[in-house]
Amino acid sequence: MTNQSPKSSLISEVNERVAVRMTIIFGSIWCVYGFLVFSLIPLAAPAWQNTLLYISNCIQLVALPALMVGNAVLSRGADQRAAEDHAALMEILNDVRNEVTELKTVINDLTRKTDEVAHRPPSEVVSISDEAVINVTDEAPHVTPPAPTS
């Protein structure tokens, strides 16, 4: 947690906004066109060449640090978004891992139960319901009536 005063925070915010705005302006195609026209002025007025060279150097001295600060501020936002995306993806990955673990448990239970049924000895008497019992060892199928209930 920073202990900046409100005045210092305001100045820092204004500086960052100016740097970002300058980065956007210097990164536009219109700035390229403006500098192209600026660079062609000595062709029309050769006497102004030294003055224009001085102005050009001043622009470079101001623009370079402003562009660096603007890029740092803009990349801070991108870094924050990347961290948030990473956290969300890790949460999704953990959910998927939990679901896969649950699926593996269900598959293992089904496999175990299937193996138990496959290795169980065959039964001689099969009861379809409470009313009919079939003896599978008899040659002719016959149904035994249920015992009378009292």
N, C-alpha and C. Protein backbone atom coordinates (compact mmCIF):
# COMPACT_ATOMS: atom_id res chain seq x y z
N MET A 1 0.85 -1.17 0.00
CA MET A 1 0.00 0.00 0.00
C MET A 1 0.89 1.24 0.00
N THR A 2 0.64 2.18 -0.88
CA THR A 2 1.46 3.37 -0.99
C THR A 2 0.92 4.47 -0.09
N ASN A 3 1.85 5.28 0.39
CA ASN A 3 1.48 6.40 1.26
C ASN A 3 1.61 7.71 0.50
N GLN A 4 1.04 7.80 -0.69
CA GLN A 4 1.10 9.01 -1.48
C GLN A 4 0.01 9.98 -1.02
N SER A 5 0.37 11.25 -1.05
CA SER A 5 -0.63 12.26 -0.72
C SER A 5 -1.58 12.40 -1.90
N PRO A 6 -2.78 12.95 -1.66
CA PRO A 6 -3.72 13.12 -2.77
C PRO A 6 -3.15 14.01 -3.88
N LYS A 7 -2.34 15.01 -3.51
CA LYS A 7 -1.74 15.90 -4.51
C LYS A 7 -0.73 15.14 -5.37
N SER A 8 0.09 14.32 -4.72
CA SER A 8 1.07 13.52 -5.45
C SER A 8 0.38 12.51 -6.37
N SER A 9 -0.69 11.92 -5.88
CA SER A 9 -1.45 10.96 -6.68
C SER A 9 -2.08 11.64 -7.89
N LEU A 10 -2.59 12.84 -7.70
CA LEU A 10 -3.19 13.59 -8.80
C LEU A 10 -2.15 13.95 -9.85
N ILE A 11 -0.99 14.39 -9.39
CA ILE A 11 0.10 14.73 -10.32
C ILE A 11 0.53 13.50 -11.09
N SER A 12 0.67 12.37 -10.40
CA SER A 12 1.07 11.13 -11.05
C SER A 12 0.04 10.70 -12.10
N GLU A 13 -1.24 10.84 -11.76
CA GLU A 13 -2.30 10.47 -12.71
C GLU A 13 -2.28 11.37 -13.94
N VAL A 14 -2.10 12.67 -13.72
CA VAL A 14 -2.04 13.61 -14.85
C VAL A 14 -0.82 13.30 -15.72
N ASN A 15 0.32 13.03 -15.10
CA ASN A 15 1.53 12.70 -15.87
C ASN A 15 1.31 11.45 -16.72
N GLU A 16 0.67 10.44 -16.13
CA GLU A 16 0.42 9.20 -16.87
C GLU A 16 -0.54 9.44 -18.04
N ARG A 17 -1.56 10.25 -17.81
CA ARG A 17 -2.52 10.54 -18.88
C ARG A 17 -1.85 11.30 -20.03
N VAL A 18 -0.99 12.26 -19.69
CA VAL A 18 -0.27 13.02 -20.72
C VAL A 18 0.65 12.09 -21.50
N ALA A 19 1.36 11.22 -20.79
CA ALA A 19 2.28 10.29 -21.46
C ALA A 19 1.52 9.34 -22.38
N VAL A 20 0.38 8.82 -21.92
CA VAL A 20 -0.41 7.91 -22.76
C VAL A 20 -0.95 8.66 -23.98
N ARG A 21 -1.43 9.88 -23.75
CA ARG A 21 -1.98 10.67 -24.87
C ARG A 21 -0.89 10.97 -25.90
N MET A 22 0.31 11.33 -25.43
CA MET A 22 1.42 11.59 -26.35
C MET A 22 1.80 10.33 -27.12
N THR A 23 1.77 9.17 -26.43
CA THR A 23 2.08 7.91 -27.09
C THR A 23 1.07 7.63 -28.20
N ILE A 24 -0.19 7.89 -27.92
CA ILE A 24 -1.23 7.67 -28.94
C ILE A 24 -1.05 8.63 -30.11
N ILE A 25 -0.76 9.89 -29.79
CA ILE A 25 -0.59 10.89 -30.86
C ILE A 25 0.64 10.56 -31.71
N PHE A 26 1.79 10.28 -31.07
CA PHE A 26 3.00 9.98 -31.82
C PHE A 26 2.89 8.65 -32.58
N GLY A 27 2.00 7.80 -32.15
CA GLY A 27 1.81 6.52 -32.83
C GLY A 27 0.79 6.57 -33.95
N SER A 28 0.26 7.76 -34.25
CA SER A 28 -0.76 7.85 -35.29
C SER A 28 -0.13 8.13 -36.66
N ILE A 29 -0.85 7.80 -37.69
CA ILE A 29 -0.37 8.05 -39.05
C ILE A 29 -0.34 9.54 -39.34
N TRP A 30 -1.22 10.31 -38.68
CA TRP A 30 -1.23 11.76 -38.89
C TRP A 30 0.05 12.40 -38.40
N CYS A 31 0.62 11.86 -37.34
CA CYS A 31 1.90 12.36 -36.86
C CYS A 31 2.99 12.07 -37.89
N VAL A 32 2.93 10.90 -38.50
CA VAL A 32 3.89 10.57 -39.57
C VAL A 32 3.77 11.58 -40.71
N TYR A 33 2.55 11.87 -41.12
CA TYR A 33 2.35 12.86 -42.20
C TYR A 33 2.87 14.23 -41.78
N GLY A 34 2.60 14.63 -40.55
CA GLY A 34 3.07 15.94 -40.06
C GLY A 34 4.58 16.02 -40.07
N PHE A 35 5.25 14.98 -39.60
CA PHE A 35 6.71 14.99 -39.60
C PHE A 35 7.27 14.92 -41.03
N LEU A 36 6.56 14.25 -41.92
CA LEU A 36 6.99 14.23 -43.32
C LEU A 36 6.96 15.64 -43.90
N VAL A 37 5.87 16.34 -43.67
CA VAL A 37 5.77 17.73 -44.15
C VAL A 37 6.83 18.59 -43.48
N PHE A 38 7.04 18.39 -42.16
CA PHE A 38 8.05 19.15 -41.42
C PHE A 38 9.44 18.92 -42.01
N SER A 39 9.73 17.67 -42.40
CA SER A 39 11.05 17.36 -42.95
C SER A 39 11.25 17.94 -44.35
N LEU A 40 10.15 18.26 -45.04
CA LEU A 40 10.28 18.81 -46.40
C LEU A 40 10.37 20.34 -46.41
N ILE A 41 10.18 21.00 -45.29
CA ILE A 41 10.24 22.47 -45.22
C ILE A 41 11.59 23.00 -45.69
N PRO A 42 12.73 22.38 -45.33
CA PRO A 42 14.01 22.93 -45.80
C PRO A 42 14.14 22.98 -47.32
N LEU A 43 13.37 22.15 -48.03
CA LEU A 43 13.41 22.21 -49.50
C LEU A 43 12.80 23.53 -49.99
N ALA A 44 11.77 24.00 -49.32
CA ALA A 44 11.12 25.24 -49.72
C ALA A 44 11.81 26.47 -49.13
N ALA A 45 12.35 26.31 -47.91
CA ALA A 45 13.01 27.45 -47.25
C ALA A 45 14.34 26.98 -46.67
N PRO A 46 15.39 26.92 -47.48
CA PRO A 46 16.68 26.41 -47.00
C PRO A 46 17.27 27.24 -45.86
N ALA A 47 16.94 28.50 -45.75
CA ALA A 47 17.50 29.34 -44.70
C ALA A 47 17.01 28.90 -43.32
N TRP A 48 15.89 28.19 -43.23
CA TRP A 48 15.32 27.75 -41.96
C TRP A 48 15.86 26.38 -41.50
N GLN A 49 16.78 25.83 -42.24
CA GLN A 49 17.23 24.47 -41.98
C GLN A 49 17.82 24.32 -40.57
N ASN A 50 18.66 25.25 -40.12
CA ASN A 50 19.26 25.14 -38.78
C ASN A 50 18.19 25.26 -37.69
N THR A 51 17.24 26.14 -37.86
CA THR A 51 16.16 26.30 -36.87
C THR A 51 15.30 25.04 -36.82
N LEU A 52 14.97 24.50 -37.99
CA LEU A 52 14.16 23.29 -38.05
C LEU A 52 14.90 22.09 -37.45
N LEU A 53 16.22 22.05 -37.63
CA LEU A 53 17.02 20.97 -37.05
C LEU A 53 16.99 21.06 -35.52
N TYR A 54 17.08 22.28 -34.98
CA TYR A 54 17.00 22.49 -33.54
C TYR A 54 15.62 22.05 -33.02
N ILE A 55 14.57 22.46 -33.71
CA ILE A 55 13.21 22.08 -33.30
C ILE A 55 13.05 20.56 -33.36
N SER A 56 13.58 19.94 -34.39
CA SER A 56 13.50 18.49 -34.55
C SER A 56 14.19 17.80 -33.39
N ASN A 57 15.36 18.27 -32.99
CA ASN A 57 16.07 17.67 -31.85
C ASN A 57 15.27 17.82 -30.56
N CYS A 58 14.67 18.98 -30.36
CA CYS A 58 13.85 19.20 -29.16
C CYS A 58 12.66 18.24 -29.13
N ILE A 59 12.02 18.06 -30.27
CA ILE A 59 10.88 17.12 -30.34
C ILE A 59 11.33 15.72 -29.97
N GLN A 60 12.50 15.32 -30.48
CA GLN A 60 13.01 13.98 -30.18
C GLN A 60 13.33 13.83 -28.70
N LEU A 61 13.93 14.86 -28.11
CA LEU A 61 14.28 14.80 -26.69
C LEU A 61 13.04 14.71 -25.79
N VAL A 62 11.95 15.31 -26.19
CA VAL A 62 10.72 15.26 -25.40
C VAL A 62 9.93 13.98 -25.70
N ALA A 63 9.89 13.60 -26.97
CA ALA A 63 9.05 12.48 -27.38
C ALA A 63 9.56 11.14 -26.87
N LEU A 64 10.86 10.93 -26.88
CA LEU A 64 11.39 9.62 -26.48
C LEU A 64 11.02 9.25 -25.04
N PRO A 65 11.28 10.10 -24.04
CA PRO A 65 10.86 9.72 -22.69
C PRO A 65 9.34 9.61 -22.55
N ALA A 66 8.61 10.49 -23.23
CA ALA A 66 7.15 10.43 -23.15
C ALA A 66 6.63 9.11 -23.72
N LEU A 67 7.21 8.66 -24.81
CA LEU A 67 6.80 7.38 -25.40
C LEU A 67 7.13 6.22 -24.48
N MET A 68 8.28 6.28 -23.82
CA MET A 68 8.66 5.21 -22.90
C MET A 68 7.70 5.13 -21.71
N VAL A 69 7.36 6.28 -21.14
CA VAL A 69 6.43 6.30 -20.01
C VAL A 69 5.04 5.84 -20.46
N GLY A 70 4.59 6.33 -21.63
CA GLY A 70 3.28 5.92 -22.14
C GLY A 70 3.19 4.43 -22.37
N ASN A 71 4.26 3.84 -22.94
CA ASN A 71 4.28 2.39 -23.15
C ASN A 71 4.27 1.64 -21.84
N ALA A 72 4.99 2.15 -20.83
CA ALA A 72 5.01 1.49 -19.52
C ALA A 72 3.61 1.52 -18.88
N VAL A 73 2.92 2.65 -18.99
CA VAL A 73 1.57 2.75 -18.42
C VAL A 73 0.61 1.82 -19.16
N LEU A 74 0.70 1.80 -20.48
CA LEU A 74 -0.19 0.94 -21.26
C LEU A 74 0.10 -0.54 -21.00
N SER A 75 1.37 -0.89 -20.84
CA SER A 75 1.70 -2.30 -20.59
C SER A 75 1.27 -2.73 -19.19
N ARG A 76 1.20 -1.79 -18.25
CA ARG A 76 0.70 -2.12 -16.91
C ARG A 76 -0.73 -2.64 -16.99
N GLY A 77 -1.56 -2.00 -17.79
CA GLY A 77 -2.93 -2.45 -17.97
C GLY A 77 -2.99 -3.82 -18.62
N ALA A 78 -2.13 -4.04 -19.61
CA ALA A 78 -2.10 -5.35 -20.28
C ALA A 78 -1.62 -6.43 -19.32
N ASP A 79 -0.64 -6.10 -18.48
CA ASP A 79 -0.15 -7.07 -17.50
C ASP A 79 -1.25 -7.43 -16.50
N GLN A 80 -2.02 -6.45 -16.08
CA GLN A 80 -3.11 -6.70 -15.14
C GLN A 80 -4.17 -7.60 -15.77
N ARG A 81 -4.52 -7.31 -17.04
CA ARG A 81 -5.51 -8.16 -17.74
C ARG A 81 -4.97 -9.58 -17.90
N ALA A 82 -3.68 -9.71 -18.20
CA ALA A 82 -3.09 -11.04 -18.36
C ALA A 82 -3.13 -11.80 -17.03
N ALA A 83 -2.86 -11.12 -15.92
CA ALA A 83 -2.92 -11.78 -14.62
C ALA A 83 -4.34 -12.23 -14.29
N GLU A 84 -5.33 -11.39 -14.60
CA GLU A 84 -6.73 -11.76 -14.36
C GLU A 84 -7.13 -12.94 -15.24
N ASP A 85 -6.71 -12.94 -16.51
CA ASP A 85 -7.01 -14.06 -17.40
C ASP A 85 -6.36 -15.34 -16.89
N HIS A 86 -5.13 -15.22 -16.41
CA HIS A 86 -4.42 -16.39 -15.90
C HIS A 86 -5.15 -16.98 -14.69
N ALA A 87 -5.60 -16.10 -13.78
CA ALA A 87 -6.32 -16.57 -12.59
C ALA A 87 -7.62 -17.27 -13.00
N ALA A 88 -8.34 -16.70 -13.96
CA ALA A 88 -9.60 -17.31 -14.41
C ALA A 88 -9.33 -18.67 -15.07
N LEU A 89 -8.28 -18.75 -15.89
CA LEU A 89 -7.96 -20.02 -16.55
C LEU A 89 -7.51 -21.08 -15.54
N MET A 90 -6.78 -20.67 -14.51
CA MET A 90 -6.37 -21.63 -13.49
C MET A 90 -7.58 -22.16 -12.72
N GLU A 91 -8.56 -21.31 -12.47
CA GLU A 91 -9.79 -21.74 -11.80
C GLU A 91 -10.55 -22.75 -12.68
N ILE A 92 -10.63 -22.46 -13.97
CA ILE A 92 -11.29 -23.39 -14.90
C ILE A 92 -10.53 -24.71 -14.95
N LEU A 93 -9.19 -24.64 -14.99
CA LEU A 93 -8.38 -25.86 -15.02
C LEU A 93 -8.60 -26.70 -13.76
N ASN A 94 -8.69 -26.06 -12.60
CA ASN A 94 -8.94 -26.80 -11.37
C ASN A 94 -10.32 -27.46 -11.40
N ASP A 95 -11.32 -26.75 -11.94
CA ASP A 95 -12.66 -27.35 -12.07
C ASP A 95 -12.62 -28.57 -12.99
N VAL A 96 -11.92 -28.46 -14.09
CA VAL A 96 -11.81 -29.58 -15.04
C VAL A 96 -11.09 -30.75 -14.37
N ARG A 97 -10.03 -30.46 -13.62
CA ARG A 97 -9.31 -31.54 -12.93
C ARG A 97 -10.23 -32.25 -11.93
N ASN A 98 -11.03 -31.48 -11.20
CA ASN A 98 -11.96 -32.10 -10.24
C ASN A 98 -12.98 -32.98 -10.96
N GLU A 99 -13.50 -32.51 -12.09
CA GLU A 99 -14.48 -33.29 -12.84
C GLU A 99 -13.84 -34.56 -13.40
N VAL A 100 -12.61 -34.47 -13.88
CA VAL A 100 -11.91 -35.65 -14.40
C VAL A 100 -11.70 -36.66 -13.27
N THR A 101 -11.35 -36.19 -12.09
CA THR A 101 -11.16 -37.08 -10.94
C THR A 101 -12.47 -37.79 -10.60
N GLU A 102 -13.59 -37.04 -10.62
CA GLU A 102 -14.89 -37.65 -10.35
C GLU A 102 -15.24 -38.68 -11.43
N LEU A 103 -14.95 -38.36 -12.69
CA LEU A 103 -15.22 -39.31 -13.77
C LEU A 103 -14.37 -40.57 -13.63
N LYS A 104 -13.12 -40.43 -13.24
CA LYS A 104 -12.26 -41.59 -13.04
C LYS A 104 -12.81 -42.47 -11.93
N THR A 105 -13.32 -41.86 -10.86
CA THR A 105 -13.91 -42.62 -9.76
C THR A 105 -15.13 -43.40 -10.23
N VAL A 106 -15.99 -42.76 -11.00
CA VAL A 106 -17.19 -43.43 -11.53
C VAL A 106 -16.78 -44.57 -12.46
N ILE A 107 -15.81 -44.33 -13.33
CA ILE A 107 -15.36 -45.38 -14.26
C ILE A 107 -14.76 -46.54 -13.49
N ASN A 108 -13.96 -46.26 -12.47
CA ASN A 108 -13.37 -47.34 -11.67
C ASN A 108 -14.45 -48.15 -10.96
N ASP A 109 -15.48 -47.49 -10.43
CA ASP A 109 -16.59 -48.21 -9.78
C ASP A 109 -17.32 -49.09 -10.79
N LEU A 110 -17.60 -48.54 -11.97
CA LEU A 110 -18.27 -49.35 -13.00
C LEU A 110 -17.42 -50.54 -13.43
N THR A 111 -16.13 -50.32 -13.58
CA THR A 111 -15.23 -51.41 -13.97
C THR A 111 -15.21 -52.49 -12.90
N ARG A 112 -15.12 -52.08 -11.63
CA ARG A 112 -15.11 -53.04 -10.53
C ARG A 112 -16.41 -53.85 -10.50
N LYS A 113 -17.55 -53.19 -10.64
CA LYS A 113 -18.84 -53.89 -10.62
C LYS A 113 -18.98 -54.81 -11.82
N THR A 114 -18.51 -54.38 -12.98
CA THR A 114 -18.57 -55.22 -14.18
C THR A 114 -17.70 -56.45 -14.00
N ASP A 115 -16.50 -56.27 -13.42
CA ASP A 115 -15.62 -57.41 -13.18
C ASP A 115 -16.23 -58.39 -12.18
N GLU A 116 -16.90 -57.86 -11.15
CA GLU A 116 -17.56 -58.72 -10.17
C GLU A 116 -18.64 -59.56 -10.83
N VAL A 117 -19.43 -58.96 -11.68
CA VAL A 117 -20.51 -59.68 -12.36
C VAL A 117 -19.92 -60.70 -13.34
N ALA A 118 -18.86 -60.34 -14.03
CA ALA A 118 -18.26 -61.25 -15.02
C ALA A 118 -17.63 -62.46 -14.35
N HIS A 119 -17.12 -62.31 -13.14
CA HIS A 119 -16.45 -63.42 -12.46
C HIS A 119 -17.37 -64.17 -11.49
N ARG A 120 -18.61 -63.80 -11.39
CA ARG A 120 -19.56 -64.48 -10.53
C ARG A 120 -19.96 -65.80 -11.21
N PRO A 121 -20.07 -66.88 -10.45
CA PRO A 121 -20.48 -68.15 -11.06
C PRO A 121 -21.93 -68.05 -11.54
N PRO A 122 -22.24 -68.76 -12.61
CA PRO A 122 -23.60 -68.67 -13.13
C PRO A 122 -24.61 -69.24 -12.13
N SER A 123 -25.74 -68.64 -12.08
CA SER A 123 -26.79 -69.05 -11.16
C SER A 123 -27.69 -70.07 -11.85
N GLU A 124 -28.18 -71.04 -11.05
CA GLU A 124 -29.07 -72.04 -11.61
C GLU A 124 -30.52 -71.58 -11.57
N VAL A 125 -30.81 -70.68 -10.66
CA VAL A 125 -32.18 -70.21 -10.53
C VAL A 125 -32.18 -68.71 -10.76
N VAL A 126 -33.04 -68.29 -11.65
CA VAL A 126 -33.15 -66.87 -11.96
C VAL A 126 -34.54 -66.42 -11.56
N SER A 127 -34.60 -65.38 -10.78
CA SER A 127 -35.90 -64.86 -10.37
C SER A 127 -36.13 -63.57 -11.12
N ILE A 128 -37.15 -63.58 -11.98
CA ILE A 128 -37.46 -62.40 -12.76
C ILE A 128 -38.26 -61.42 -11.93
N SER A 129 -39.15 -61.96 -11.12
CA SER A 129 -39.94 -61.13 -10.23
C SER A 129 -40.34 -61.99 -9.04
N ASP A 130 -41.14 -61.46 -8.16
CA ASP A 130 -41.58 -62.24 -7.00
C ASP A 130 -42.57 -63.32 -7.39
N GLU A 131 -43.10 -63.28 -8.58
CA GLU A 131 -44.14 -64.21 -8.97
C GLU A 131 -43.64 -65.37 -9.81
N ALA A 132 -42.45 -65.27 -10.40
CA ALA A 132 -41.99 -66.36 -11.26
C ALA A 132 -40.54 -66.68 -10.95
N VAL A 133 -40.25 -67.98 -10.86
CA VAL A 133 -38.88 -68.43 -10.65
C VAL A 133 -38.58 -69.42 -11.76
N ILE A 134 -37.47 -69.23 -12.43
CA ILE A 134 -37.11 -70.10 -13.54
C ILE A 134 -35.85 -70.86 -13.16
N ASN A 135 -35.89 -72.17 -13.31
CA ASN A 135 -34.71 -72.99 -13.07
C ASN A 135 -34.03 -73.17 -14.40
N VAL A 136 -32.83 -72.64 -14.56
CA VAL A 136 -32.15 -72.66 -15.85
C VAL A 136 -31.52 -74.00 -16.15
N THR A 137 -31.46 -74.90 -15.19
CA THR A 137 -30.87 -76.21 -15.45
C THR A 137 -31.89 -77.18 -16.03
N ASP A 138 -33.18 -76.90 -15.94
CA ASP A 138 -34.22 -77.75 -16.51
C ASP A 138 -34.14 -77.67 -18.02
N GLU A 139 -34.49 -78.82 -18.63
CA GLU A 139 -34.48 -78.85 -20.09
C GLU A 139 -35.66 -78.10 -20.67
N ALA A 140 -36.82 -78.28 -20.11
CA ALA A 140 -37.99 -77.56 -20.60
C ALA A 140 -38.28 -76.43 -19.63
N PRO A 141 -38.45 -75.26 -20.15
CA PRO A 141 -38.72 -74.15 -19.22
C PRO A 141 -40.08 -74.34 -18.56
N HIS A 142 -40.06 -74.23 -17.28
CA HIS A 142 -41.33 -74.29 -16.57
C HIS A 142 -41.28 -73.28 -15.43
N VAL A 143 -42.43 -72.72 -15.14
CA VAL A 143 -42.53 -71.65 -14.15
C VAL A 143 -43.10 -72.24 -12.90
N THR A 144 -42.42 -72.00 -11.77
CA THR A 144 -42.92 -72.46 -10.48
C THR A 144 -43.80 -71.37 -9.88
N PRO A 145 -45.00 -71.75 -9.47
CA PRO A 145 -45.86 -70.72 -8.87
C PRO A 145 -45.30 -70.28 -7.54
N PRO A 146 -45.57 -69.05 -7.16
CA PRO A 146 -45.06 -68.58 -5.88
C PRO A 146 -45.78 -69.27 -4.71
N ALA A 147 -45.10 -69.27 -3.60
CA ALA A 147 -45.69 -69.88 -2.40
C ALA A 147 -46.84 -69.03 -1.92
N PRO A 148 -47.89 -69.66 -1.44
CA PRO A 148 -49.04 -68.88 -0.96
C PRO A 148 -48.64 -68.06 0.27
N THR A 149 -49.15 -66.86 0.30
CA THR A 149 -48.88 -65.99 1.42
C THR A 149 -50.07 -66.05 2.38
N SER A 150 -49.82 -66.00 3.65
CA SER A 150 -50.93 -66.10 4.59
C SER A 150 -51.34 -64.76 5.12
